[in-house]
Amino acid sequence: MGIVKISDLMHENLRVAGTALSRSINAQAEHWMRVGMLTEMYPDLDHREISQMLVRAELAGGLDVALAASGQLDKTAARVVGKH
């Protein structure tokens, strides 16, 4: 774990969004980082598809950046989801 410095305005944005969505400031920041990372890796996907990818990744054991970067995230998650 490390410290990430952000502006006061971004901290306030995180506080407001986190409160509205029942997340801590840290959980909201991590959510936005995951969504942003996947949006950069998969620019052709919309928010709904990114959200579904995050749910599938969680079912497969969590978001693995190596799998996401290689394009294997959805294939691995689909195998896990198919077993349920």
Protein backbone atom coordinates (compact mmCIF):
# COMPACT_ATOMS: atom_id res chain seq x y z
CA MET A 1 0.00 0.00 0.00
CA GLY A 2 1.24 3.48 -0.75
CA ILE A 3 0.25 7.08 -0.58
CA VAL A 4 -1.13 8.83 -3.64
CA LYS A 5 -1.27 12.60 -3.60
CA ILE A 6 -4.36 14.12 -5.18
CA SER A 7 -5.75 17.64 -5.32
CA ASP A 8 -8.14 18.92 -2.71
CA LEU A 9 -10.84 19.18 -5.37
CA MET A 10 -10.43 15.52 -6.41
CA HIS A 11 -10.52 14.49 -2.75
CA GLU A 12 -13.80 16.36 -2.34
CA ASN A 13 -15.16 14.76 -5.53
CA LEU A 14 -14.23 11.33 -4.14
CA ARG A 15 -15.90 12.14 -0.81
CA VAL A 16 -19.14 13.25 -2.47
CA ALA A 17 -19.27 10.30 -4.91
CA GLY A 18 -18.29 7.82 -2.22
CA THR A 19 -20.98 9.07 0.14
CA ALA A 20 -23.60 8.97 -2.61
CA LEU A 21 -22.63 5.41 -3.57
CA SER A 22 -22.04 4.12 -0.01
CA ARG A 23 -18.30 3.70 -0.53
CA SER A 24 -15.37 4.96 1.46
CA ILE A 25 -13.15 7.58 -0.16
CA ASN A 26 -10.50 4.92 -0.77
CA ALA A 27 -13.02 2.46 -2.23
CA GLN A 28 -14.39 5.16 -4.55
CA ALA A 29 -10.88 6.10 -5.71
CA GLU A 30 -10.04 2.44 -6.35
CA HIS A 31 -13.29 1.98 -8.29
CA TRP A 32 -12.55 4.99 -10.49
CA MET A 33 -8.99 3.73 -11.05
CA ARG A 34 -10.24 0.29 -12.13
CA VAL A 35 -12.82 1.78 -14.49
CA GLY A 36 -10.27 4.21 -15.91
CA MET A 37 -7.63 1.52 -16.37
CA LEU A 38 -10.05 -0.78 -18.20
CA THR A 39 -11.34 2.13 -20.29
CA GLU A 40 -7.79 2.81 -21.47
CA MET A 41 -7.17 -0.89 -22.18
CA TYR A 42 -10.55 -1.41 -23.89
CA PRO A 43 -11.48 1.96 -25.47
CA ASP A 44 -14.20 0.32 -27.58
CA LEU A 45 -16.21 -0.73 -24.47
CA ASP A 46 -18.81 1.51 -22.84
CA HIS A 47 -19.38 1.97 -19.10
CA ARG A 48 -21.96 -0.83 -18.92
CA GLU A 49 -19.56 -3.29 -20.55
CA ILE A 50 -16.70 -2.20 -18.28
CA SER A 51 -18.96 -2.67 -15.24
CA GLN A 52 -19.92 -6.16 -16.41
CA MET A 53 -16.23 -6.94 -16.95
CA LEU A 54 -15.50 -5.88 -13.36
CA VAL A 55 -18.24 -8.16 -12.03
CA ARG A 56 -16.93 -11.10 -14.08
CA ALA A 57 -13.39 -10.38 -12.91
CA GLU A 58 -14.57 -10.38 -9.29
CA LEU A 59 -16.27 -13.74 -9.79
CA ALA A 60 -13.01 -15.04 -11.26
CA GLY A 61 -11.06 -14.00 -8.18
CA GLY A 62 -10.41 -10.29 -8.72
CA LEU A 63 -9.09 -7.94 -11.36
CA ASP A 64 -5.75 -9.14 -12.71
CA VAL A 65 -4.00 -6.41 -14.69
CA ALA A 66 -1.88 -8.96 -16.57
CA LEU A 67 -4.99 -10.77 -17.79
CA ALA A 68 -6.70 -7.49 -18.65
CA ALA A 69 -3.69 -6.23 -20.61
CA SER A 70 -3.39 -9.50 -22.54
CA GLY A 71 -7.08 -9.54 -23.44
CA GLN A 72 -7.55 -12.77 -21.47
CA LEU A 73 -9.64 -11.26 -18.66
CA ASP A 74 -13.02 -11.85 -20.29
CA LYS A 75 -12.08 -15.38 -21.44
CA THR A 76 -10.95 -16.40 -17.94
CA ALA A 77 -13.98 -14.80 -16.29
CA ALA A 78 -16.34 -16.44 -18.79
CA ARG A 79 -14.97 -19.89 -17.87
CA VAL A 80 -15.51 -19.20 -14.15
CA VAL A 81 -19.00 -17.80 -14.65
CA GLY A 82 -19.92 -20.77 -16.85
CA LYS A 83 -19.16 -23.16 -13.96
CA HIS A 84 -21.86 -21.62 -11.72
